[in-house]
Protein backbone atom coordinates (compact mmCIF):
# COMPACT_ATOMS: atom_id res chain seq x y z
CA UNK A 1 85.57 24.84 123.34
CA UNK A 2 82.65 24.22 121.90
CA UNK A 3 79.32 22.90 123.58
CA UNK A 4 78.20 19.04 122.64
CA UNK A 5 75.18 20.93 120.50
CA UNK A 6 77.23 23.14 118.29
CA UNK A 7 79.77 20.09 117.57
CA UNK A 8 76.04 18.36 116.85
CA UNK A 9 75.43 20.89 114.83
CA UNK A 10 78.00 21.23 112.63
CA UNK A 11 78.29 18.05 111.63
CA UNK A 12 74.62 18.06 110.55
CA UNK A 13 75.61 20.97 108.52
CA UNK A 14 78.95 19.47 107.31
CA UNK A 15 76.20 16.63 105.95
CA UNK A 16 74.50 18.03 104.85
CA UNK A 17 76.80 20.63 102.79
CA UNK A 18 79.37 17.77 101.19
CA UNK A 19 79.89 20.25 98.12
CA UNK A 20 79.77 23.11 100.18
CA UNK A 21 82.14 22.49 102.96
CA UNK A 22 84.66 20.86 100.41
CA UNK A 23 85.01 24.37 98.12
CA UNK A 24 85.13 26.17 101.64
CA UNK A 25 88.12 23.74 102.30
CA UNK A 26 90.22 23.85 99.03
CA UNK A 27 89.47 28.14 98.48
CA UNK A 28 91.31 28.16 101.92
CA UNK A 29 94.15 26.10 101.55
CA UNK A 30 94.11 28.23 97.61
CA UNK A 31 94.78 31.14 99.57
CA UNK A 32 97.53 29.86 102.60
CA UNK A 33 99.99 28.83 98.95
CA UNK A 34 99.45 32.20 97.46
CA UNK A 35 100.15 33.99 100.94
CA UNK A 36 102.81 31.85 102.43
CA UNK A 37 104.17 28.58 100.72
CA UNK A 38 104.26 29.06 96.83
CA UNK A 39 107.30 30.60 95.63
CA UNK A 40 107.35 33.92 92.87
CA UNK A 41 107.57 31.38 89.98
CA UNK A 42 104.67 29.58 91.69
CA UNK A 43 102.30 32.62 91.52
CA UNK A 44 103.26 33.12 88.12
CA UNK A 45 102.56 30.08 86.78
CA UNK A 46 99.18 30.88 88.79
CA UNK A 47 98.28 34.00 87.22
CA UNK A 48 98.44 32.25 83.86
CA UNK A 49 96.36 29.99 84.71
CA UNK A 50 93.48 31.90 85.91
CA UNK A 51 93.77 34.37 82.76
CA UNK A 52 93.41 31.85 81.25
CA UNK A 53 90.56 30.49 82.67
CA UNK A 54 89.54 34.10 82.67
CA UNK A 55 89.27 34.82 78.86
């Protein structure tokens, strides 16, 4: 359980760092998708997209 002070501090950080928070959230979603949800076909498609992006 979080204290009221910790909740307030978290909210203050979230409000001040909206873009960073969004990036962390998307990264978390992507990792979960790759580790738990994606099929082999999905992973191969993602690999191709990543290879293209890295070029």
